[in-house]
Amino acid sequence: MSSEHTIKAFSEELRILKQSVSSLGRLAAIQVADAVASVGNVDVDLARKVIEREPQADRLEFEIENLVVRLFALRQPMAVDLRDILAALRAANELERICDYAEGIAKRLLAVAGALHLPTASLVRLGSFAQTMVADVVDAYERRDESAALAVWERDEALDQMYTSLFRELMTHILEDPRQLSTGTHLLFMARDLERIGDHATNIAEMVRYAVLGTRQTDPRPTADMTKSMIVTGDSATPADGGKAEQQ
């Protein structure tokens, strides 16, 4: 096989790899959007569609992993090509986890659909914000746009702030009406899943930077999640230390 033919074959395999990651990314964005919409509209049919589509994410991740193994075994990539392959593998892992969280939200919606009396507007806003982060970071990956990836990375702090506010809101509703404990707990887990989705989008943003620049993100990741230090007092939930523990 000629050197020119080998280079062309390698380039085609890299193209297929990146295209597969993009397909998984678009699926992840759709899964999150539909999971959030199923909550906002209490749409059990849409929630079931999210659950039914989840195996597609597993299949795509498996195909990407096989492509990566083949590229390492046959091509011995170096420099930029090596970074692109590693970024693709890491992005695929993160995107599959995002799809897992979307499926979890859909399953929880099915569990509480018949008794959903708590307000969900703030949860939907959090979900829309997280879904936009996913869509934007996938676009940044496709365009190898480090600046766009950085913009997603910087949004993680705003997502944390929204999550903390929602956590406090849901805890207050539960305390005011203990009959909503079960439903409220499911919504708290949904909120946590959305916060984690944002974290995974932020991880992908860091991999885009690595692929483009060849350097890891060394700046501390901005965070404003105060829920780990929040305590219940009376009929409200407040940070035990003013949120200082989460900022250290």
C-alpha atoms as a PDB file:
ATOM      1  CA  MET A   1       0.000   0.000   0.000  1.00  0.00           C
ATOM      2  CA  SER A   2       1.428   3.372  -1.026  1.00  0.00           C
ATOM      3  CA  SER A   3       2.173   6.090   1.515  1.00  0.00           C
ATOM      4  CA  GLU A   4      -0.344   8.391  -0.189  1.00  0.00           C
ATOM      5  CA  HIS A   5      -3.073   5.747   0.019  1.00  0.00           C
ATOM      6  CA  THR A   6      -2.286   5.157   3.703  1.00  0.00           C
ATOM      7  CA  ILE A   7      -2.582   8.869   4.465  1.00  0.00           C
ATOM      8  CA  LYS A   8      -5.915   9.087   2.637  1.00  0.00           C
ATOM      9  CA  ALA A   9      -7.254   6.040   4.493  1.00  0.00           C
ATOM     10  CA  PHE A  10      -6.149   7.496   7.820  1.00  0.00           C
ATOM     11  CA  SER A  11      -7.788  10.836   7.031  1.00  0.00           C
ATOM     12  CA  GLU A  12     -11.029   9.074   6.125  1.00  0.00           C
ATOM     13  CA  GLU A  13     -10.994   7.087   9.345  1.00  0.00           C
ATOM     14  CA  LEU A  14     -10.462  10.280  11.351  1.00  0.00           C
ATOM     15  CA  ARG A  15     -13.356  11.905   9.507  1.00  0.00           C
ATOM     16  CA  ILE A  16     -15.637   8.975  10.333  1.00  0.00           C
ATOM     17  CA  LEU A  17     -14.555   9.118  13.985  1.00  0.00           C
ATOM     18  CA  LYS A  18     -15.329  12.828  14.314  1.00  0.00           C
ATOM     19  CA  GLN A  19     -18.622  12.382  12.456  1.00  0.00           C
ATOM     20  CA  SER A  20     -19.620   9.601  14.863  1.00  0.00           C
ATOM     21  CA  VAL A  21     -18.869  11.814  17.864  1.00  0.00           C
ATOM     22  CA  SER A  22     -20.944  14.591  16.287  1.00  0.00           C
ATOM     23  CA  SER A  23     -23.844  12.169  15.801  1.00  0.00           C
ATOM     24  CA  LEU A  24     -23.647  11.130  19.438  1.00  0.00           C
ATOM     25  CA  GLY A  25     -23.480  14.787  20.432  1.00  0.00           C
ATOM     26  CA  ARG A  26     -26.598  15.693  18.488  1.00  0.00           C
ATOM     27  CA  LEU A  27     -28.388  12.711  20.022  1.00  0.00           C
ATOM     28  CA  ALA A  28     -27.339  13.843  23.505  1.00  0.00           C
ATOM     29  CA  ALA A  29     -28.680  17.354  22.919  1.00  0.00           C
ATOM     30  CA  ILE A  30     -32.004  15.934  21.690  1.00  0.00           C
ATOM     31  CA  GLN A  31     -32.238  13.537  24.627  1.00  0.00           C
ATOM     32  CA  VAL A  32     -31.728  16.312  27.161  1.00  0.00           C
ATOM     33  CA  ALA A  33     -34.147  18.652  25.398  1.00  0.00           C
ATOM     34  CA  ASP A  34     -36.860  15.989  25.211  1.00  0.00           C
ATOM     35  CA  ALA A  35     -36.321  14.851  28.803  1.00  0.00           C
ATOM     36  CA  VAL A  36     -36.720  18.434  30.000  1.00  0.00           C
ATOM     37  CA  ALA A  37     -39.770  18.976  27.792  1.00  0.00           C
ATOM     38  CA  SER A  38     -41.355  15.789  29.152  1.00  0.00           C
ATOM     39  CA  VAL A  39     -41.059  17.248  32.650  1.00  0.00           C
ATOM     40  CA  GLY A  40     -42.352  20.683  31.690  1.00  0.00           C
ATOM     41  CA  ASN A  41     -45.370  19.238  29.884  1.00  0.00           C
ATOM     42  CA  VAL A  42     -45.763  16.119  32.057  1.00  0.00           C
ATOM     43  CA  ASP A  43     -45.537  14.212  28.762  1.00  0.00           C
ATOM     44  CA  VAL A  44     -45.134  10.516  29.526  1.00  0.00           C
ATOM     45  CA  ASP A  45     -45.081   9.555  25.836  1.00  0.00           C
ATOM     46  CA  LEU A  46     -42.111  11.834  25.204  1.00  0.00           C
ATOM     47  CA  ALA A  47     -40.386  10.485  28.303  1.00  0.00           C
ATOM     48  CA  ARG A  48     -40.798   6.955  26.962  1.00  0.00           C
ATOM     49  CA  LYS A  49     -39.248   8.011  23.637  1.00  0.00           C
ATOM     50  CA  VAL A  50     -36.207   9.292  25.507  1.00  0.00           C
ATOM     51  CA  ILE A  51     -35.882   5.946  27.268  1.00  0.00           C
ATOM     52  CA  GLU A  52     -36.346   4.014  24.022  1.00  0.00           C
ATOM     53  CA  ARG A  53     -33.619   6.029  22.260  1.00  0.00           C
ATOM     54  CA  GLU A  54     -30.994   5.551  24.979  1.00  0.00           C
ATOM     55  CA  PRO A  55     -29.551   2.308  23.493  1.00  0.00           C
ATOM     56  CA  GLN A  56     -28.582   4.351  20.426  1.00  0.00           C
ATOM     57  CA  ALA A  57     -26.124   6.251  22.612  1.00  0.00           C
ATOM     58  CA  ASP A  58     -24.600   3.002  23.891  1.00  0.00           C
ATOM     59  CA  ARG A  59     -24.248   1.729  20.316  1.00  0.00           C
ATOM     60  CA  LEU A  60     -22.589   4.914  19.087  1.00  0.00           C
ATOM     61  CA  GLU A  61     -20.159   4.975  22.001  1.00  0.00           C
ATOM     62  CA  PHE A  62     -19.258   1.326  21.318  1.00  0.00           C
ATOM     63  CA  GLU A  63     -18.636   2.099  17.632  1.00  0.00           C
ATOM     64  CA  ILE A  64     -16.459   5.080  18.541  1.00  0.00           C
ATOM     65  CA  GLU A  65     -14.411   3.026  20.988  1.00  0.00           C
ATOM     66  CA  ASN A  66     -13.863   0.374  18.295  1.00  0.00           C
ATOM     67  CA  LEU A  67     -12.752   3.053  15.820  1.00  0.00           C
ATOM     68  CA  VAL A  68     -10.294   4.422  18.358  1.00  0.00           C
ATOM     69  CA  VAL A  69      -8.846   0.975  19.048  1.00  0.00           C
ATOM     70  CA  ARG A  70      -8.436   0.405  15.308  1.00  0.00           C
ATOM     71  CA  LEU A  71      -6.708   3.747  14.821  1.00  0.00           C
ATOM     72  CA  PHE A  72      -4.262   3.085  17.653  1.00  0.00           C
ATOM     73  CA  ALA A  73      -3.563  -0.459  16.477  1.00  0.00           C
ATOM     74  CA  LEU A  74      -3.049   0.305  12.782  1.00  0.00           C
ATOM     75  CA  ARG A  75      -2.018   3.960  12.497  1.00  0.00           C
ATOM     76  CA  GLN A  76       0.074   4.802  15.565  1.00  0.00           C
ATOM     77  CA  PRO A  77      -1.154   8.424  15.580  1.00  0.00           C
ATOM     78  CA  MET A  78       1.044  11.259  16.790  1.00  0.00           C
ATOM     79  CA  ALA A  79       0.826  14.974  17.616  1.00  0.00           C
ATOM     80  CA  VAL A  80      -2.418  16.635  16.475  1.00  0.00           C
ATOM     81  CA  ASP A  81      -3.936  13.373  15.247  1.00  0.00           C
ATOM     82  CA  LEU A  82      -3.290  11.731  18.609  1.00  0.00           C
ATOM     83  CA  ARG A  83      -4.947  14.621  20.446  1.00  0.00           C
ATOM     84  CA  ASP A  84      -7.956  14.488  18.132  1.00  0.00           C
ATOM     85  CA  ILE A  85      -8.425  10.781  18.748  1.00  0.00           C
ATOM     86  CA  LEU A  86      -8.079  11.096  22.512  1.00  0.00           C
ATOM     87  CA  ALA A  87     -10.487  14.050  22.533  1.00  0.00           C
ATOM     88  CA  ALA A  88     -12.999  12.077  20.479  1.00  0.00           C
ATOM     89  CA  LEU A  89     -12.855   9.121  22.867  1.00  0.00           C
ATOM     90  CA  ARG A  90     -13.224  11.318  25.951  1.00  0.00           C
ATOM     91  CA  ALA A  91     -16.047  13.347  24.367  1.00  0.00           C
ATOM     92  CA  ALA A  92     -17.893  10.142  23.472  1.00  0.00           C
ATOM     93  CA  ASN A  93     -17.654   8.920  27.065  1.00  0.00           C
ATOM     94  CA  GLU A  94     -18.978  12.245  28.372  1.00  0.00           C
ATOM     95  CA  LEU A  95     -21.814  12.343  25.832  1.00  0.00           C
ATOM     96  CA  GLU A  96     -22.920   8.812  26.677  1.00  0.00           C
ATOM     97  CA  ARG A  97     -23.113   9.807  30.336  1.00  0.00           C
ATOM     98  CA  ILE A  98     -25.211  12.825  29.372  1.00  0.00           C
ATOM     99  CA  CYS A  99     -27.621  10.466  27.616  1.00  0.00           C
ATOM    100  CA  ASP A 100     -27.727   8.290  30.734  1.00  0.00           C
ATOM    101  CA  TYR A 101     -28.744  11.293  32.829  1.00  0.00           C
ATOM    102  CA  ALA A 102     -31.420  12.265  30.302  1.00  0.00           C
ATOM    103  CA  GLU A 103     -32.821   8.732  30.503  1.00  0.00           C
ATOM    104  CA  GLY A 104     -32.817   8.966  34.296  1.00  0.00           C
ATOM    105  CA  ILE A 105     -34.808  12.195  34.198  1.00  0.00           C
ATOM    106  CA  ALA A 106     -37.348  10.598  31.857  1.00  0.00           C
ATOM    107  CA  LYS A 107     -37.713   7.573  34.149  1.00  0.00           C
ATOM    108  CA  ARG A 108     -38.281   9.812  37.153  1.00  0.00           C
ATOM    109  CA  LEU A 109     -40.938  11.739  35.237  1.00  0.00           C
ATOM    110  CA  LEU A 110     -42.786   8.474  34.635  1.00  0.00           C
ATOM    111  CA  ALA A 111     -42.591   7.761  38.368  1.00  0.00           C
ATOM    112  CA  VAL A 112     -44.151  11.082  39.448  1.00  0.00           C
ATOM    113  CA  ALA A 113     -46.336  12.026  36.469  1.00  0.00           C
ATOM    114  CA  GLY A 114     -49.547  11.111  38.252  1.00  0.00           C
ATOM    115  CA  ALA A 115     -48.713  13.140  41.358  1.00  0.00           C
ATOM    116  CA  LEU A 116     -46.698  16.084  40.052  1.00  0.00           C
ATOM    117  CA  HIS A 117     -48.050  19.020  42.017  1.00  0.00           C
ATOM    118  CA  LEU A 118     -44.810  20.879  42.682  1.00  0.00           C
ATOM    119  CA  PRO A 119     -43.806  23.774  40.372  1.00  0.00           C
ATOM    120  CA  THR A 120     -41.413  22.700  37.605  1.00  0.00           C
ATOM    121  CA  ALA A 121     -40.720  26.012  35.821  1.00  0.00           C
ATOM    122  CA  SER A 122     -37.331  26.461  37.515  1.00  0.00           C
ATOM    123  CA  LEU A 123     -36.395  22.873  36.712  1.00  0.00           C
ATOM    124  CA  VAL A 124     -37.251  23.445  33.057  1.00  0.00           C
ATOM    125  CA  ARG A 125     -35.142  26.629  33.001  1.00  0.00           C
ATOM    126  CA  LEU A 126     -32.208  24.723  34.480  1.00  0.00           C
ATOM    127  CA  GLY A 127     -32.712  21.969  31.920  1.00  0.00           C
ATOM    128  CA  SER A 128     -32.873  24.379  29.000  1.00  0.00           C
ATOM    129  CA  PHE A 129     -29.647  26.004  30.168  1.00  0.00           C
ATOM    130  CA  ALA A 130     -27.911  22.622  30.442  1.00  0.00           C
ATOM    131  CA  GLN A 131     -29.233  21.499  27.043  1.00  0.00           C
ATOM    132  CA  THR A 132     -27.868  24.660  25.426  1.00  0.00           C
ATOM    133  CA  MET A 133     -24.473  23.967  26.978  1.00  0.00           C
ATOM    134  CA  VAL A 134     -24.512  20.493  25.426  1.00  0.00           C
ATOM    135  CA  ALA A 135     -25.578  21.751  21.991  1.00  0.00           C
ATOM    136  CA  ASP A 136     -23.005  24.556  22.049  1.00  0.00           C
ATOM    137  CA  VAL A 137     -20.108  22.365  23.121  1.00  0.00           C
ATOM    138  CA  VAL A 138     -20.936  19.829  20.400  1.00  0.00           C
ATOM    139  CA  ASP A 139     -20.877  22.679  17.895  1.00  0.00           C
ATOM    140  CA  ALA A 140     -17.528  23.840  19.318  1.00  0.00           C
ATOM    141  CA  TYR A 141     -16.175  20.301  18.959  1.00  0.00           C
ATOM    142  CA  GLU A 142     -17.302  20.063  15.350  1.00  0.00           C
ATOM    143  CA  ARG A 143     -15.744  23.421  14.450  1.00  0.00           C
ATOM    144  CA  ARG A 144     -12.651  22.965  16.643  1.00  0.00           C
ATOM    145  CA  ASP A 145     -13.566  26.331  18.145  1.00  0.00           C
ATOM    146  CA  GLU A 146     -11.596  26.774  21.361  1.00  0.00           C
ATOM    147  CA  SER A 147     -13.186  30.166  22.095  1.00  0.00           C
ATOM    148  CA  ALA A 148     -16.711  28.744  21.857  1.00  0.00           C
ATOM    149  CA  ALA A 149     -15.679  25.839  24.086  1.00  0.00           C
ATOM    150  CA  LEU A 150     -14.296  28.291  26.642  1.00  0.00           C
ATOM    151  CA  ALA A 151     -17.621  30.149  26.648  1.00  0.00           C
ATOM    152  CA  VAL A 152     -19.370  26.877  27.569  1.00  0.00           C
ATOM    153  CA  TRP A 153     -16.777  26.190  30.263  1.00  0.00           C
ATOM    154  CA  GLU A 154     -17.406  29.604  31.809  1.00  0.00           C
ATOM    155  CA  ARG A 155     -21.177  28.985  31.935  1.00  0.00           C
ATOM    156  CA  ASP A 156     -20.772  26.176  34.451  1.00  0.00           C
ATOM    157  CA  GLU A 157     -20.806  28.679  37.307  1.00  0.00           C
ATOM    158  CA  ALA A 158     -24.158  30.115  36.215  1.00  0.00           C
ATOM    159  CA  LEU A 159     -25.561  26.587  35.990  1.00  0.00           C
ATOM    160  CA  ASP A 160     -24.395  25.900  39.550  1.00  0.00           C
ATOM    161  CA  GLN A 161     -26.114  29.066  40.759  1.00  0.00           C
ATOM    162  CA  MET A 162     -29.373  28.016  39.108  1.00  0.00           C
ATOM    163  CA  TYR A 163     -29.071  24.544  40.597  1.00  0.00           C
ATOM    164  CA  THR A 164     -28.452  25.892  44.107  1.00  0.00           C
ATOM    165  CA  SER A 165     -31.474  28.192  43.818  1.00  0.00           C
ATOM    166  CA  LEU A 166     -33.666  25.343  42.567  1.00  0.00           C
ATOM    167  CA  PHE A 167     -32.451  23.041  45.332  1.00  0.00           C
ATOM    168  CA  ARG A 168     -33.439  25.621  47.922  1.00  0.00           C
ATOM    169  CA  GLU A 169     -36.824  26.166  46.240  1.00  0.00           C
ATOM    170  CA  LEU A 170     -37.665  22.459  46.147  1.00  0.00           C
ATOM    171  CA  MET A 171     -36.555  21.879  49.722  1.00  0.00           C
ATOM    172  CA  THR A 172     -38.764  24.749  50.870  1.00  0.00           C
ATOM    173  CA  HIS A 173     -41.798  23.283  49.067  1.00  0.00           C
ATOM    174  CA  ILE A 174     -41.146  19.875  50.616  1.00  0.00           C
ATOM    175  CA  LEU A 175     -40.860  21.356  54.097  1.00  0.00           C
ATOM    176  CA  GLU A 176     -44.081  23.307  53.652  1.00  0.00           C
ATOM    177  CA  ASP A 177     -45.949  20.199  52.492  1.00  0.00           C
ATOM    178  CA  PRO A 178     -44.342  16.926  53.647  1.00  0.00           C
ATOM    179  CA  ARG A 179     -46.870  15.013  51.519  1.00  0.00           C
ATOM    180  CA  GLN A 180     -44.725  16.083  48.543  1.00  0.00           C
ATOM    181  CA  LEU A 181     -41.626  14.372  49.948  1.00  0.00           C
ATOM    182  CA  SER A 182     -41.545  11.541  47.394  1.00  0.00           C
ATOM    183  CA  THR A 183     -42.275  13.733  44.369  1.00  0.00           C
ATOM    184  CA  GLY A 184     -39.969  16.459  45.602  1.00  0.00           C
ATOM    185  CA  THR A 185     -37.144  13.977  46.078  1.00  0.00           C
ATOM    186  CA  HIS A 186     -37.486  12.823  42.477  1.00  0.00           C
ATOM    187  CA  LEU A 187     -37.350  16.453  41.317  1.00  0.00           C
ATOM    188  CA  LEU A 188     -34.248  17.040  43.433  1.00  0.00           C
ATOM    189  CA  PHE A 189     -32.571  14.101  41.706  1.00  0.00           C
ATOM    190  CA  MET A 190     -33.664  15.461  38.308  1.00  0.00           C
ATOM    191  CA  ALA A 191     -32.074  18.798  39.188  1.00  0.00           C
ATOM    192  CA  ARG A 192     -28.886  17.034  40.247  1.00  0.00           C
ATOM    193  CA  ASP A 193     -28.840  15.108  36.954  1.00  0.00           C
ATOM    194  CA  LEU A 194     -29.120  18.374  35.022  1.00  0.00           C
ATOM    195  CA  GLU A 195     -26.261  19.882  37.014  1.00  0.00           C
ATOM    196  CA  ARG A 196     -24.171  16.821  36.191  1.00  0.00           C
ATOM    197  CA  ILE A 197     -25.081  17.160  32.507  1.00  0.00           C
ATOM    198  CA  GLY A 198     -23.614  20.650  32.623  1.00  0.00           C
ATOM    199  CA  ASP A 199     -20.467  19.283  34.255  1.00  0.00           C
ATOM    200  CA  HIS A 200     -20.045  16.746  31.451  1.00  0.00           C
ATOM    201  CA  ALA A 201     -20.519  19.491  28.846  1.00  0.00           C
ATOM    202  CA  THR A 202     -17.799  21.446  30.639  1.00  0.00           C
ATOM    203  CA  ASN A 203     -15.513  18.401  30.512  1.00  0.00           C
ATOM    204  CA  ILE A 204     -16.017  18.220  26.744  1.00  0.00           C
ATOM    205  CA  ALA A 205     -15.152  21.907  26.478  1.00  0.00           C
ATOM    206  CA  GLU A 206     -11.837  21.149  28.167  1.00  0.00           C
ATOM    207  CA  MET A 207     -11.165  18.364  25.665  1.00  0.00           C
ATOM    208  CA  VAL A 208     -11.853  20.717  22.751  1.00  0.00           C
ATOM    209  CA  ARG A 209      -9.203  23.042  24.166  1.00  0.00           C
ATOM    210  CA  TYR A 210      -6.801  20.123  24.483  1.00  0.00           C
ATOM    211  CA  ALA A 211      -7.416  18.991  20.897  1.00  0.00           C
ATOM    212  CA  VAL A 212      -6.949  22.472  19.447  1.00  0.00           C
ATOM    213  CA  LEU A 213      -4.175  23.902  21.632  1.00  0.00           C
ATOM    214  CA  GLY A 214      -2.446  20.816  22.961  1.00  0.00           C
ATOM    215  CA  THR A 215      -2.724  22.030  26.558  1.00  0.00           C
ATOM    216  CA  ARG A 216      -4.965  21.070  29.437  1.00  0.00           C
ATOM    217  CA  GLN A 217      -7.262  23.526  31.182  1.00  0.00           C
ATOM    218  CA  THR A 218      -5.286  24.488  34.293  1.00  0.00           C
ATOM    219  CA  ASP A 219      -7.452  27.330  35.613  1.00  0.00           C
ATOM    220  CA  PRO A 220      -9.698  26.322  38.525  1.00  0.00           C
ATOM    221  CA  ARG A 221     -13.158  25.499  37.274  1.00  0.00           C
ATOM    222  CA  PRO A 222     -15.627  28.178  38.436  1.00  0.00           C
ATOM    223  CA  THR A 223     -18.253  26.733  40.747  1.00  0.00           C
ATOM    224  CA  ALA A 224     -21.211  28.057  42.682  1.00  0.00           C
ATOM    225  CA  ASP A 225     -22.844  24.825  43.853  1.00  0.00           C
ATOM    226  CA  MET A 226     -23.680  25.406  47.515  1.00  0.00           C
ATOM    227  CA  THR A 227     -26.032  22.442  47.943  1.00  0.00           C
ATOM    228  CA  LYS A 228     -23.463  20.225  49.654  1.00  0.00           C
ATOM    229  CA  SER A 229     -23.275  22.646  52.572  1.00  0.00           C
ATOM    230  CA  MET A 230     -27.016  23.361  52.738  1.00  0.00           C
ATOM    231  CA  ILE A 231     -28.978  22.485  55.869  1.00  0.00           C
ATOM    232  CA  VAL A 232     -32.672  22.442  56.680  1.00  0.00           C
ATOM    233  CA  THR A 233     -33.834  24.907  59.343  1.00  0.00           C
ATOM    234  CA  GLY A 234     -37.481  25.501  60.150  1.00  0.00           C
ATOM    235  CA  ASP A 235     -39.293  25.856  56.846  1.00  0.00           C
ATOM    236  CA  SER A 236     -36.313  26.717  54.636  1.00  0.00           C
ATOM    237  CA  ALA A 237     -32.939  25.428  53.419  1.00  0.00           C
ATOM    238  CA  THR A 238     -29.832  27.581  53.755  1.00  0.00           C
ATOM    239  CA  PRO A 239     -26.051  27.095  53.380  1.00  0.00           C
ATOM    240  CA  ALA A 240     -24.597  26.157  56.747  1.00  0.00           C
ATOM    241  CA  ASP A 241     -21.512  28.343  56.198  1.00  0.00           C
ATOM    242  CA  GLY A 242     -22.713  30.910  53.712  1.00  0.00           C
ATOM    243  CA  GLY A 243     -21.506  28.704  50.872  1.00  0.00           C
ATOM    244  CA  LYS A 244     -17.825  29.080  51.747  1.00  0.00           C
ATOM    245  CA  ALA A 245     -17.228  25.346  51.765  1.00  0.00           C
ATOM    246  CA  GLU A 246     -18.267  25.050  48.133  1.00  0.00           C
ATOM    247  CA  GLN A 247     -15.955  27.828  47.011  1.00  0.00           C
ATOM    248  CA  GLN A 248     -12.790  26.444  48.540  1.00  0.00           C
END
